[in-house]
PDB file of N, CA and C in Angstrom:
ATOM      1  N   MET A   1     -26.925  52.864  45.156  1.00  0.00           N
ATOM      2  CA  MET A   1     -25.980  53.091  44.054  1.00  0.00           C
ATOM      3  C   MET A   1     -24.652  52.396  44.202  1.00  0.00           C
ATOM      4  N   LYS A   2     -24.106  52.452  45.514  1.00  0.00           N
ATOM      5  CA  LYS A   2     -22.931  51.707  45.709  1.00  0.00           C
ATOM      6  C   LYS A   2     -23.101  50.270  45.548  1.00  0.00           C
ATOM      7  N   ARG A   3     -24.253  49.742  45.983  1.00  0.00           N
ATOM      8  CA  ARG A   3     -24.519  48.368  45.880  1.00  0.00           C
ATOM      9  C   ARG A   3     -24.592  47.865  44.380  1.00  0.00           C
ATOM     10  N   LEU A   4     -25.241  48.681  43.569  1.00  0.00           N
ATOM     11  CA  LEU A   4     -25.298  48.385  42.199  1.00  0.00           C
ATOM     12  C   LEU A   4     -23.832  48.378  41.543  1.00  0.00           C
ATOM     13  N   PHE A   5     -23.049  49.284  41.917  1.00  0.00           N
ATOM     14  CA  PHE A   5     -21.640  49.339  41.388  1.00  0.00           C
ATOM     15  C   PHE A   5     -20.893  48.097  41.846  1.00  0.00           C
ATOM     16  N   VAL A   6     -21.041  47.662  43.040  1.00  0.00           N
ATOM     17  CA  VAL A   6     -20.275  46.619  43.604  1.00  0.00           C
ATOM     18  C   VAL A   6     -20.797  45.210  42.886  1.00  0.00           C
ATOM     19  N   ILE A   7     -22.131  45.216  42.626  1.00  0.00           N
ATOM     20  CA  ILE A   7     -22.644  43.910  41.930  1.00  0.00           C
ATOM     21  C   ILE A   7     -22.164  43.945  40.529  1.00  0.00           C
ATOM     22  N   THR A   8     -22.111  45.066  39.827  1.00  0.00           N
ATOM     23  CA  THR A   8     -21.647  45.144  38.474  1.00  0.00           C
ATOM     24  C   THR A   8     -20.136  44.795  38.394  1.00  0.00           C
ATOM     25  N   LEU A   9     -19.414  45.225  39.376  1.00  0.00           N
ATOM     26  CA  LEU A   9     -17.995  44.956  39.390  1.00  0.00           C
ATOM     27  C   LEU A   9     -17.774  43.451  39.645  1.00  0.00           C
ATOM     28  N   VAL A  10     -18.513  42.913  40.469  1.00  0.00           N
ATOM     29  CA  VAL A  10     -18.320  41.414  40.802  1.00  0.00           C
ATOM     30  C   VAL A  10     -18.665  40.668  39.549  1.00  0.00           C
ATOM     31  N   LEU A  11     -19.832  41.000  38.886  1.00  0.00           N
ATOM     32  CA  LEU A  11     -20.264  40.223  37.651  1.00  0.00           C
ATOM     33  C   LEU A  11     -19.203  40.411  36.433  1.00  0.00           C
ATOM     34  N   PHE A  12     -18.596  41.644  36.481  1.00  0.00           N
ATOM     35  CA  PHE A  12     -17.480  41.832  35.402  1.00  0.00           C
ATOM     36  C   PHE A  12     -16.366  40.924  35.724  1.00  0.00           C
ATOM     37  N   ALA A  13     -15.947  40.884  37.007  1.00  0.00           N
ATOM     38  CA  ALA A  13     -14.778  40.106  37.350  1.00  0.00           C
ATOM     39  C   ALA A  13     -15.025  38.612  37.058  1.00  0.00           C
ATOM     40  N   VAL A  14     -16.257  38.082  37.346  1.00  0.00           N
ATOM     41  CA  VAL A  14     -16.610  36.670  37.188  1.00  0.00           C
ATOM     42  C   VAL A  14     -16.721  36.389  35.691  1.00  0.00           C
ATOM     43  N   THR A  15     -17.187  37.267  34.900  1.00  0.00           N
ATOM     44  CA  THR A  15     -17.295  37.085  33.456  1.00  0.00           C
ATOM     45  C   THR A  15     -15.920  37.126  32.819  1.00  0.00           C
ATOM     46  N   THR A  16     -15.102  37.993  33.254  1.00  0.00           N
ATOM     47  CA  THR A  16     -13.782  38.106  32.769  1.00  0.00           C
ATOM     48  C   THR A  16     -13.035  36.716  33.118  1.00  0.00           C
ATOM     49  N   GLY A  17     -13.250  36.215  34.292  1.00  0.00           N
ATOM     50  CA  GLY A  17     -12.529  35.018  34.719  1.00  0.00           C
ATOM     51  C   GLY A  17     -12.972  33.793  33.788  1.00  0.00           C
ATOM     52  N   PHE A  18     -14.219  33.719  33.419  1.00  0.00           N
ATOM     53  CA  PHE A  18     -14.685  32.627  32.617  1.00  0.00           C
ATOM     54  C   PHE A  18     -14.295  32.837  31.146  1.00  0.00           C
ATOM     55  N   ALA A  19     -14.097  34.012  30.700  1.00  0.00           N
ATOM     56  CA  ALA A  19     -13.610  34.344  29.345  1.00  0.00           C
ATOM     57  C   ALA A  19     -12.164  34.163  29.067  1.00  0.00           C
ATOM     58  N   GLN A  20     -11.399  33.864  30.044  1.00  0.00           N
ATOM     59  CA  GLN A  20      -9.979  33.511  29.818  1.00  0.00           C
ATOM     60  C   GLN A  20      -9.706  32.514  28.751  1.00  0.00           C
ATOM     61  N   ASN A  21      -8.517  32.502  28.154  1.00  0.00           N
ATOM     62  CA  ASN A  21      -8.128  31.660  27.136  1.00  0.00           C
ATOM     63  C   ASN A  21      -8.328  30.141  27.556  1.00  0.00           C
ATOM     64  N   LYS A  22      -9.168  29.505  26.748  1.00  0.00           N
ATOM     65  CA  LYS A  22      -9.551  28.168  27.110  1.00  0.00           C
ATOM     66  C   LYS A  22      -8.635  27.026  26.300  1.00  0.00           C
ATOM     67  N   ASN A  23      -7.653  27.643  25.478  1.00  0.00           N
ATOM     68  CA  ASN A  23      -6.829  26.831  24.612  1.00  0.00           C
ATOM     69  C   ASN A  23      -5.590  26.455  25.442  1.00  0.00           C
ATOM     70  N   ALA A  24      -5.373  25.197  25.500  1.00  0.00           N
ATOM     71  CA  ALA A  24      -4.182  24.741  26.130  1.00  0.00           C
ATOM     72  C   ALA A  24      -3.123  24.271  25.037  1.00  0.00           C
ATOM     73  N   ARG A  25      -1.884  24.319  25.419  1.00  0.00           N
ATOM     74  CA  ARG A  25      -0.806  24.037  24.465  1.00  0.00           C
ATOM     75  C   ARG A  25      -0.135  22.858  25.207  1.00  0.00           C
ATOM     76  N   ALA A  26       0.320  21.878  24.320  1.00  0.00           N
ATOM     77  CA  ALA A  26       1.134  20.782  24.803  1.00  0.00           C
ATOM     78  C   ALA A  26       2.089  20.088  23.721  1.00  0.00           C
ATOM     79  N   VAL A  27       3.028  19.549  24.204  1.00  0.00           N
ATOM     80  CA  VAL A  27       3.974  18.760  23.242  1.00  0.00           C
ATOM     81  C   VAL A  27       4.077  17.346  23.677  1.00  0.00           C
ATOM     82  N   ILE A  28       3.748  16.501  22.932  1.00  0.00           N
ATOM     83  CA  ILE A  28       3.894  15.013  23.208  1.00  0.00           C
ATOM     84  C   ILE A  28       4.768  14.345  22.332  1.00  0.00           C
ATOM     85  N   GLU A  29       5.468  13.231  22.716  1.00  0.00           N
ATOM     86  CA  GLU A  29       6.329  12.466  21.815  1.00  0.00           C
ATOM     87  C   GLU A  29       5.424  11.337  21.193  1.00  0.00           C
ATOM     88  N   VAL A  30       5.561  11.280  19.831  1.00  0.00           N
ATOM     89  CA  VAL A  30       4.849  10.203  19.107  1.00  0.00           C
ATOM     90  C   VAL A  30       5.830   9.485  18.176  1.00  0.00           C
ATOM     91  N   ASP A  31       5.793   8.235  18.197  1.00  0.00           N
ATOM     92  CA  ASP A  31       6.698   7.397  17.368  1.00  0.00           C
ATOM     93  C   ASP A  31       6.132   7.423  15.912  1.00  0.00           C
ATOM     94  N   GLY A  32       7.091   7.544  14.953  1.00  0.00           N
ATOM     95  CA  GLY A  32       6.931   7.552  13.500  1.00  0.00           C
ATOM     96  C   GLY A  32       8.166   7.860  12.910  1.00  0.00           C
ATOM     97  N   ILE A  33       8.227   7.564  11.556  1.00  0.00           N
ATOM     98  CA  ILE A  33       9.435   7.908  10.852  1.00  0.00           C
ATOM     99  C   ILE A  33       9.413   8.610   9.532  1.00  0.00           C
ATOM    100  N   CYS A  34       8.367   8.986   8.955  1.00  0.00           N
ATOM    101  CA  CYS A  34       8.278   9.401   7.592  1.00  0.00           C
ATOM    102  C   CYS A  34       7.083  10.506   7.406  1.00  0.00           C
ATOM    103  N   GLY A  35       7.117  10.963   6.187  1.00  0.00           N
ATOM    104  CA  GLY A  35       6.040  11.935   5.878  1.00  0.00           C
ATOM    105  C   GLY A  35       4.639  11.340   5.942  1.00  0.00           C
ATOM    106  N   MET A  36       4.567  10.070   5.581  1.00  0.00           N
ATOM    107  CA  MET A  36       3.190   9.390   5.688  1.00  0.00           C
ATOM    108  C   MET A  36       2.898   9.285   7.123  1.00  0.00           C
ATOM    109  N   CYS A  37       3.767   8.938   8.118  1.00  0.00           N
ATOM    110  CA  CYS A  37       3.486   8.980   9.456  1.00  0.00           C
ATOM    111  C   CYS A  37       2.964  10.393   9.998  1.00  0.00           C
ATOM    112  N   LYS A  38       3.723  11.382   9.555  1.00  0.00           N
ATOM    113  CA  LYS A  38       3.335  12.782   9.867  1.00  0.00           C
ATOM    114  C   LYS A  38       1.915  13.067   9.577  1.00  0.00           C
ATOM    115  N   GLU A  39       1.592  12.708   8.280  1.00  0.00           N
ATOM    116  CA  GLU A  39       0.191  12.987   7.893  1.00  0.00           C
ATOM    117  C   GLU A  39      -0.873  12.180   8.763  1.00  0.00           C
ATOM    118  N   ARG A  40      -0.616  11.022   9.004  1.00  0.00           N
ATOM    119  CA  ARG A  40      -1.528  10.182   9.795  1.00  0.00           C
ATOM    120  C   ARG A  40      -1.638  10.608  11.227  1.00  0.00           C
ATOM    121  N   ILE A  41      -0.487  10.985  11.834  1.00  0.00           N
ATOM    122  CA  ILE A  41      -0.565  11.467  13.255  1.00  0.00           C
ATOM    123  C   ILE A  41      -1.278  12.664  13.289  1.00  0.00           C
ATOM    124  N   GLU A  42      -0.947  13.677  12.509  1.00  0.00           N
ATOM    125  CA  GLU A  42      -1.637  15.014  12.510  1.00  0.00           C
ATOM    126  C   GLU A  42      -3.098  14.878  12.236  1.00  0.00           C
ATOM    127  N   LYS A  43      -3.549  13.956  11.268  1.00  0.00           N
ATOM    128  CA  LYS A  43      -4.941  13.854  11.048  1.00  0.00           C
ATOM    129  C   LYS A  43      -5.693  13.165  12.252  1.00  0.00           C
ATOM    130  N   ALA A  44      -5.015  12.234  12.869  1.00  0.00           N
ATOM    131  CA  ALA A  44      -5.702  11.560  14.033  1.00  0.00           C
ATOM    132  C   ALA A  44      -5.794  12.590  15.153  1.00  0.00           C
ATOM    133  N   ALA A  45      -4.802  13.482  15.294  1.00  0.00           N
ATOM    134  CA  ALA A  45      -5.004  14.477  16.441  1.00  0.00           C
ATOM    135  C   ALA A  45      -5.987  15.524  16.072  1.00  0.00           C
ATOM    136  N   ILE A  46      -5.933  16.038  14.811  1.00  0.00           N
ATOM    137  CA  ILE A  46      -6.860  17.074  14.450  1.00  0.00           C
ATOM    138  C   ILE A  46      -8.298  16.610  14.372  1.00  0.00           C
ATOM    139  N   ARG A  47      -8.556  15.342  14.190  1.00  0.00           N
ATOM    140  CA  ARG A  47      -9.916  14.942  14.059  1.00  0.00           C
ATOM    141  C   ARG A  47     -10.518  14.707  15.470  1.00  0.00           C
ATOM    142  N   THR A  48      -9.666  14.827  16.559  1.00  0.00           N
ATOM    143  CA  THR A  48     -10.264  14.808  17.808  1.00  0.00           C
ATOM    144  C   THR A  48     -11.048  16.088  18.183  1.00  0.00           C
ATOM    145  N   LYS A  49     -12.189  15.970  18.603  1.00  0.00           N
ATOM    146  CA  LYS A  49     -12.992  17.194  18.895  1.00  0.00           C
ATOM    147  C   LYS A  49     -12.337  18.016  19.850  1.00  0.00           C
ATOM    148  N   GLY A  50     -12.101  19.243  19.542  1.00  0.00           N
ATOM    149  CA  GLY A  50     -11.427  20.405  20.435  1.00  0.00           C
ATOM    150  C   GLY A  50     -10.005  20.554  20.054  1.00  0.00           C
ATOM    151  N   VAL A  51      -9.412  19.679  19.153  1.00  0.00           N
ATOM    152  CA  VAL A  51      -8.006  19.967  18.736  1.00  0.00           C
ATOM    153  C   VAL A  51      -8.087  21.041  17.579  1.00  0.00           C
ATOM    154  N   LYS A  52      -7.298  22.043  17.866  1.00  0.00           N
ATOM    155  CA  LYS A  52      -7.234  23.219  16.910  1.00  0.00           C
ATOM    156  C   LYS A  52      -6.043  23.202  15.928  1.00  0.00           C
ATOM    157  N   SER A  53      -5.001  22.567  16.520  1.00  0.00           N
ATOM    158  CA  SER A  53      -3.724  22.713  15.782  1.00  0.00           C
ATOM    159  C   SER A  53      -2.981  21.442  16.169  1.00  0.00           C
ATOM    160  N   ALA A  54      -2.346  20.691  15.243  1.00  0.00           N
ATOM    161  CA  ALA A  54      -1.441  19.541  15.525  1.00  0.00           C
ATOM    162  C   ALA A  54      -0.437  19.570  14.479  1.00  0.00           C
ATOM    163  N   VAL A  55       0.953  19.735  14.960  1.00  0.00           N
ATOM    164  CA  VAL A  55       2.017  19.552  13.981  1.00  0.00           C
ATOM    165  C   VAL A  55       3.054  18.671  14.609  1.00  0.00           C
ATOM    166  N   TRP A  56       3.445  17.648  13.741  1.00  0.00           N
ATOM    167  CA  TRP A  56       4.320  16.639  14.191  1.00  0.00           C
ATOM    168  C   TRP A  56       5.625  16.906  13.492  1.00  0.00           C
ATOM    169  N   ASP A  57       6.844  16.850  14.235  1.00  0.00           N
ATOM    170  CA  ASP A  57       8.181  17.032  13.608  1.00  0.00           C
ATOM    171  C   ASP A  57       8.771  15.595  13.456  1.00  0.00           C
ATOM    172  N   ILE A  58       9.092  15.352  12.255  1.00  0.00           N
ATOM    173  CA  ILE A  58       9.681  14.030  11.938  1.00  0.00           C
ATOM    174  C   ILE A  58      11.024  13.834  12.643  1.00  0.00           C
ATOM    175  N   GLN A  59      11.784  14.774  12.746  1.00  0.00           N
ATOM    176  CA  GLN A  59      13.158  14.689  13.400  1.00  0.00           C
ATOM    177  C   GLN A  59      13.043  14.479  14.964  1.00  0.00           C
ATOM    178  N   THR A  60      12.260  15.282  15.506  1.00  0.00           N
ATOM    179  CA  THR A  60      12.171  15.198  17.037  1.00  0.00           C
ATOM    180  C   THR A  60      11.153  14.274  17.555  1.00  0.00           C
ATOM    181  N   HIS A  61      10.225  13.941  16.634  1.00  0.00           N
ATOM    182  CA  HIS A  61       8.965  13.038  17.015  1.00  0.00           C
ATOM    183  C   HIS A  61       8.112  13.817  18.076  1.00  0.00           C
ATOM    184  N   GLU A  62       8.214  15.144  18.064  1.00  0.00           N
ATOM    185  CA  GLU A  62       7.306  15.914  18.958  1.00  0.00           C
ATOM    186  C   GLU A  62       6.013  16.440  18.200  1.00  0.00           C
ATOM    187  N   LEU A  63       4.881  16.174  18.819  1.00  0.00           N
ATOM    188  CA  LEU A  63       3.677  16.701  18.248  1.00  0.00           C
ATOM    189  C   LEU A  63       3.243  17.930  19.121  1.00  0.00           C
ATOM    190  N   SER A  64       3.196  18.994  18.476  1.00  0.00           N
ATOM    191  CA  SER A  64       2.758  20.318  19.166  1.00  0.00           C
ATOM    192  C   SER A  64       1.365  20.426  18.921  1.00  0.00           C
ATOM    193  N   LEU A  65       0.594  20.533  20.044  1.00  0.00           N
ATOM    194  CA  LEU A  65      -0.852  20.711  20.047  1.00  0.00           C
ATOM    195  C   LEU A  65      -1.395  22.028  20.596  1.00  0.00           C
ATOM    196  N   ILE A  66      -2.515  22.446  19.956  1.00  0.00           N
ATOM    197  CA  ILE A  66      -3.363  23.462  20.685  1.00  0.00           C
ATOM    198  C   ILE A  66      -4.745  22.883  20.728  1.00  0.00           C
ATOM    199  N   TYR A  67      -5.316  22.780  21.952  1.00  0.00           N
ATOM    200  CA  TYR A  67      -6.646  22.211  21.989  1.00  0.00           C
ATOM    201  C   TYR A  67      -7.415  22.862  23.120  1.00  0.00           C
ATOM    202  N   ASP A  68      -8.828  22.672  23.013  1.00  0.00           N
ATOM    203  CA  ASP A  68      -9.686  23.278  23.895  1.00  0.00           C
ATOM    204  C   ASP A  68      -9.881  22.221  25.118  1.00  0.00           C
ATOM    205  N   GLU A  69      -9.368  22.616  26.272  1.00  0.00           N
ATOM    206  CA  GLU A  69      -9.486  21.659  27.426  1.00  0.00           C
ATOM    207  C   GLU A  69     -10.936  21.375  27.825  1.00  0.00           C
ATOM    208  N   ARG A  70     -11.900  22.144  27.486  1.00  0.00           N
ATOM    209  CA  ARG A  70     -13.276  21.916  27.789  1.00  0.00           C
ATOM    210  C   ARG A  70     -13.788  20.765  26.967  1.00  0.00           C
ATOM    211  N   LYS A  71     -13.206  20.497  25.766  1.00  0.00           N
ATOM    212  CA  LYS A  71     -13.763  19.533  24.925  1.00  0.00           C
ATOM    213  C   LYS A  71     -12.986  18.251  24.865  1.00  0.00           C
ATOM    214  N   THR A  72     -11.658  18.238  25.124  1.00  0.00           N
ATOM    215  CA  THR A  72     -10.831  17.027  25.084  1.00  0.00           C
ATOM    216  C   THR A  72      -9.611  17.182  26.049  1.00  0.00           C
ATOM    217  N   ASN A  73      -8.876  16.078  26.139  1.00  0.00           N
ATOM    218  CA  ASN A  73      -7.761  16.014  26.996  1.00  0.00           C
ATOM    219  C   ASN A  73      -6.576  15.227  26.398  1.00  0.00           C
ATOM    220  N   LEU A  74      -5.460  15.341  26.921  1.00  0.00           N
ATOM    221  CA  LEU A  74      -4.302  14.684  26.304  1.00  0.00           C
ATOM    222  C   LEU A  74      -4.435  13.176  26.085  1.00  0.00           C
ATOM    223  N   LYS A  75      -5.077  12.523  27.001  1.00  0.00           N
ATOM    224  CA  LYS A  75      -5.379  11.161  27.024  1.00  0.00           C
ATOM    225  C   LYS A  75      -6.177  10.706  25.769  1.00  0.00           C
ATOM    226  N   GLU A  76      -7.251  11.427  25.575  1.00  0.00           N
ATOM    227  CA  GLU A  76      -8.113  11.151  24.435  1.00  0.00           C
ATOM    228  C   GLU A  76      -7.292  11.396  23.116  1.00  0.00           C
ATOM    229  N   ILE A  77      -6.647  12.467  23.044  1.00  0.00           N
ATOM    230  CA  ILE A  77      -5.823  12.690  21.856  1.00  0.00           C
ATOM    231  C   ILE A  77      -4.906  11.541  21.561  1.00  0.00           C
ATOM    232  N   GLN A  78      -4.098  11.253  22.663  1.00  0.00           N
ATOM    233  CA  GLN A  78      -3.159  10.083  22.476  1.00  0.00           C
ATOM    234  C   GLN A  78      -3.796   8.807  22.108  1.00  0.00           C
ATOM    235  N   GLN A  79      -4.964   8.562  22.612  1.00  0.00           N
ATOM    236  CA  GLN A  79      -5.685   7.342  22.246  1.00  0.00           C
ATOM    237  C   GLN A  79      -6.018   7.240  20.762  1.00  0.00           C
ATOM    238  N   ASN A  80      -6.499   8.427  20.295  1.00  0.00           N
ATOM    239  CA  ASN A  80      -6.808   8.561  18.850  1.00  0.00           C
ATOM    240  C   ASN A  80      -5.544   8.310  17.984  1.00  0.00           C
ATOM    241  N   ILE A  81      -4.427   8.705  18.415  1.00  0.00           N
ATOM    242  CA  ILE A  81      -3.198   8.591  17.727  1.00  0.00           C
ATOM    243  C   ILE A  81      -2.755   7.083  17.755  1.00  0.00           C
ATOM    244  N   ALA A  82      -2.922   6.488  18.956  1.00  0.00           N
ATOM    245  CA  ALA A  82      -2.579   5.101  18.978  1.00  0.00           C
ATOM    246  C   ALA A  82      -3.469   4.213  18.202  1.00  0.00           C
ATOM    247  N   ASP A  83      -4.811   4.658  18.068  1.00  0.00           N
ATOM    248  CA  ASP A  83      -5.735   3.855  17.347  1.00  0.00           C
ATOM    249  C   ASP A  83      -5.348   3.796  15.768  1.00  0.00           C
ATOM    250  N   VAL A  84      -4.639   4.812  15.293  1.00  0.00           N
ATOM    251  CA  VAL A  84      -4.171   4.683  13.859  1.00  0.00           C
ATOM    252  C   VAL A  84      -2.735   4.090  13.762  1.00  0.00           C
ATOM    253  N   GLY A  85      -2.214   3.585  14.850  1.00  0.00           N
ATOM    254  CA  GLY A  85      -0.962   2.686  14.810  1.00  0.00           C
ATOM    255  C   GLY A  85       0.272   3.450  15.363  1.00  0.00           C
ATOM    256  N   HIS A  86       0.158   4.544  16.052  1.00  0.00           N
ATOM    257  CA  HIS A  86       1.460   5.249  16.480  1.00  0.00           C
ATOM    258  C   HIS A  86       1.465   5.265  18.021  1.00  0.00           C
ATOM    259  N   ASP A  87       2.551   4.872  18.563  1.00  0.00           N
ATOM    260  CA  ASP A  87       2.794   4.846  20.005  1.00  0.00           C
ATOM    261  C   ASP A  87       3.040   6.314  20.525  1.00  0.00           C
ATOM    262  N   THR A  88       2.576   6.586  21.760  1.00  0.00           N
ATOM    263  CA  THR A  88       2.978   7.710  22.489  1.00  0.00           C
ATOM    264  C   THR A  88       3.650   7.254  23.773  1.00  0.00           C
ATOM    265  N   LYS A  89       4.223   8.088  24.518  1.00  0.00           N
ATOM    266  CA  LYS A  89       4.771   7.695  25.826  1.00  0.00           C
ATOM    267  C   LYS A  89       3.633   7.025  26.766  1.00  0.00           C
ATOM    268  N   ALA A  90       2.433   7.614  26.665  1.00  0.00           N
ATOM    269  CA  ALA A  90       1.462   7.194  27.636  1.00  0.00           C
ATOM    270  C   ALA A  90       0.581   5.981  27.190  1.00  0.00           C
ATOM    271  N   ILE A  91       0.390   5.942  25.772  1.00  0.00           N
ATOM    272  CA  ILE A  91      -0.403   4.785  25.133  1.00  0.00           C
ATOM    273  C   ILE A  91       0.314   4.228  24.056  1.00  0.00           C
ATOM    274  N   LYS A  92       0.348   2.914  24.106  1.00  0.00           N
ATOM    275  CA  LYS A  92       0.997   2.102  22.963  1.00  0.00           C
ATOM    276  C   LYS A  92      -0.026   1.677  22.072  1.00  0.00           C
ATOM    277  N   ALA A  93       0.139   1.781  20.782  1.00  0.00           N
ATOM    278  CA  ALA A  93      -0.872   1.237  19.765  1.00  0.00           C
ATOM    279  C   ALA A  93      -0.906  -0.227  19.901  1.00  0.00           C
ATOM    280  N   THR A  94      -2.133  -0.814  19.662  1.00  0.00           N
ATOM    281  CA  THR A  94      -2.293  -2.231  19.702  1.00  0.00           C
ATOM    282  C   THR A  94      -1.488  -2.814  18.438  1.00  0.00           C
ATOM    283  N   GLU A  95      -1.174  -4.044  18.495  1.00  0.00           N
ATOM    284  CA  GLU A  95      -0.524  -4.735  17.363  1.00  0.00           C
ATOM    285  C   GLU A  95      -1.307  -4.668  16.188  1.00  0.00           C
ATOM    286  N   GLU A  96      -2.529  -4.814  16.225  1.00  0.00           N
ATOM    287  CA  GLU A  96      -3.352  -4.676  15.096  1.00  0.00           C
ATOM    288  C   GLU A  96      -3.408  -3.305  14.423  1.00  0.00           C
ATOM    289  N   ALA A  97      -3.369  -2.344  15.275  1.00  0.00           N
ATOM    290  CA  ALA A  97      -3.335  -0.895  14.736  1.00  0.00           C
ATOM    291  C   ALA A  97      -1.948  -0.628  14.183  1.00  0.00           C
ATOM    292  N   TYR A  98      -0.887  -1.093  14.805  1.00  0.00           N
ATOM    293  CA  TYR A  98       0.444  -0.908  14.352  1.00  0.00           C
ATOM    294  C   TYR A  98       0.580  -1.603  12.995  1.00  0.00           C
ATOM    295  N   LEU A  99       0.145  -2.756  12.872  1.00  0.00           N
ATOM    296  CA  LEU A  99       0.308  -3.526  11.577  1.00  0.00           C
ATOM    297  C   LEU A  99      -0.569  -2.932  10.449  1.00  0.00           C
ATOM    298  N   SER A 100      -1.420  -2.036  10.776  1.00  0.00           N
ATOM    299  CA  SER A 100      -2.326  -1.488   9.697  1.00  0.00           C
ATOM    300  C   SER A 100      -1.561  -0.232   9.020  1.00  0.00           C
ATOM    301  N   VAL A 101      -0.496   0.192   9.552  1.00  0.00           N
ATOM    302  CA  VAL A 101       0.365   1.238   8.910  1.00  0.00           C
ATOM    303  C   VAL A 101       1.085   0.664   7.724  1.00  0.00           C
ATOM    304  N   HIS A 102       1.463   1.447   6.772  1.00  0.00           N
ATOM    305  CA  HIS A 102       2.208   0.961   5.616  1.00  0.00           C
ATOM    306  C   HIS A 102       3.604   0.393   6.124  1.00  0.00           C
ATOM    307  N   GLU A 103       4.044  -0.648   5.340  1.00  0.00           N
ATOM    308  CA  GLU A 103       5.225  -1.224   5.772  1.00  0.00           C
ATOM    309  C   GLU A 103       6.437  -0.262   6.003  1.00  0.00           C
ATOM    310  N   CYS A 104       6.546   0.812   5.252  1.00  0.00           N
ATOM    311  CA  CYS A 104       7.622   1.705   5.385  1.00  0.00           C
ATOM    312  C   CYS A 104       7.561   2.564   6.519  1.00  0.00           C
ATOM    313  N   CYS A 105       6.348   2.518   7.326  1.00  0.00           N
ATOM    314  CA  CYS A 105       6.088   3.349   8.445  1.00  0.00           C
ATOM    315  C   CYS A 105       6.182   2.501   9.669  1.00  0.00           C
ATOM    316  N   ARG A 106       6.640   1.296   9.627  1.00  0.00           N
ATOM    317  CA  ARG A 106       6.706   0.383  10.885  1.00  0.00           C
ATOM    318  C   ARG A 106       7.985   0.797  11.705  1.00  0.00           C
ATOM    319  N   TYR A 107       7.826   1.807  12.515  1.00  0.00           N
ATOM    320  CA  TYR A 107       8.872   2.415  13.300  1.00  0.00           C
ATOM    321  C   TYR A 107       9.414   1.485  14.342  1.00  0.00           C
ATOM    322  N   ARG A 108       8.768   0.329  14.724  1.00  0.00           N
ATOM    323  CA  ARG A 108       9.307  -0.518  15.601  1.00  0.00           C
ATOM    324  C   ARG A 108      10.309  -1.508  15.073  1.00  0.00           C
ATOM    325  N   ASP A 109      10.346  -1.641  13.710  1.00  0.00           N
ATOM    326  CA  ASP A 109      11.237  -2.408  13.000  1.00  0.00           C
ATOM    327  C   ASP A 109      12.623  -1.753  12.764  1.00  0.00           C
ATOM    328  N   LEU A 110      13.616  -2.440  13.331  1.00  0.00           N
ATOM    329  CA  LEU A 110      14.954  -1.716  13.261  1.00  0.00           C
ATOM    330  C   LEU A 110      15.334  -1.586  11.812  1.00  0.00           C
ATOM    331  N   ALA A 111      15.123  -2.557  10.846  1.00  0.00           N
ATOM    332  CA  ALA A 111      15.621  -2.390   9.441  1.00  0.00           C
ATOM    333  C   ALA A 111      14.879  -1.263   8.851  1.00  0.00           C
ATOM    334  N   VAL A 112      13.641  -1.032   9.116  1.00  0.00           N
ATOM    335  CA  VAL A 112      12.899   0.024   8.560  1.00  0.00           C
ATOM    336  C   VAL A 112      13.509   1.489   9.151  1.00  0.00           C
ATOM    337  N   LYS A 113      13.802   1.421  10.425  1.00  0.00           N
ATOM    338  CA  LYS A 113      14.467   2.702  11.007  1.00  0.00           C
ATOM    339  C   LYS A 113      15.824   2.947  10.224  1.00  0.00           C
ATOM    340  N   GLU A 114      16.528   1.914   9.997  1.00  0.00           N
ATOM    341  CA  GLU A 114      17.857   2.134   9.390  1.00  0.00           C
ATOM    342  C   GLU A 114      17.589   2.695   7.907  1.00  0.00           C
ATOM    343  N   GLN A 115      16.680   2.275   7.177  1.00  0.00           N
ATOM    344  CA  GLN A 115      16.367   2.730   5.881  1.00  0.00           C
ATOM    345  C   GLN A 115      15.978   4.193   5.933  1.00  0.00           C
ATOM    346  N   HIS A 116      15.417   4.669   6.932  1.00  0.00           N
ATOM    347  CA  HIS A 116      14.985   6.092   7.202  1.00  0.00           C
ATOM    348  C   HIS A 116      16.100   7.058   7.636  1.00  0.00           C
ATOM    349  N   LYS A 117      17.125   6.373   8.107  1.00  0.00           N
ATOM    350  CA  LYS A 117      18.240   7.192   8.841  1.00  0.00           C
ATOM    351  C   LYS A 117      18.807   8.237   7.704  1.00  0.00           C
ATOM    352  N   ASP A 118      18.987   7.747   6.490  1.00  0.00           N
ATOM    353  CA  ASP A 118      19.547   8.503   5.485  1.00  0.00           C
ATOM    354  C   ASP A 118      18.627   9.397   4.719  1.00  0.00           C
ATOM    355  N   GLY A 119      17.360   9.454   5.276  1.00  0.00           N
ATOM    356  CA  GLY A 119      16.331  10.272   4.562  1.00  0.00           C
ATOM    357  C   GLY A 119      15.546   9.552   3.492  1.00  0.00           C
ATOM    358  N   ASN A 120      15.800   8.286   3.381  1.00  0.00           N
ATOM    359  CA  ASN A 120      15.119   7.399   2.325  1.00  0.00           C
ATOM    360  C   ASN A 120      13.669   7.245   2.657  1.00  0.00           C
TER     361      ASN A 120
END
């Protein structure tokens, strides 16, 4: 009887260990400057399998993520964002991807940045 109790206790502990929260939270910096950038960045992140939430802040350039670590990782999420034309600290968008964004979204262009400083 004691043996059955110990086995049950061990199985319960192992099961509880595997049932822990699998969702990770992260905040990454993503370059962009406007509402269209926000929509593009969030869509690229959320379309990554395993991403449950993606919210990008225009002012801070921070993308807050909730994702399943078993299905994806930060590198994959950042690559998907770079593929739609936005730089992260770890992965820079290719020139082709960057040029695919709307002209008002070209965050590398100083003149465009100046236009957006006043909220235009």
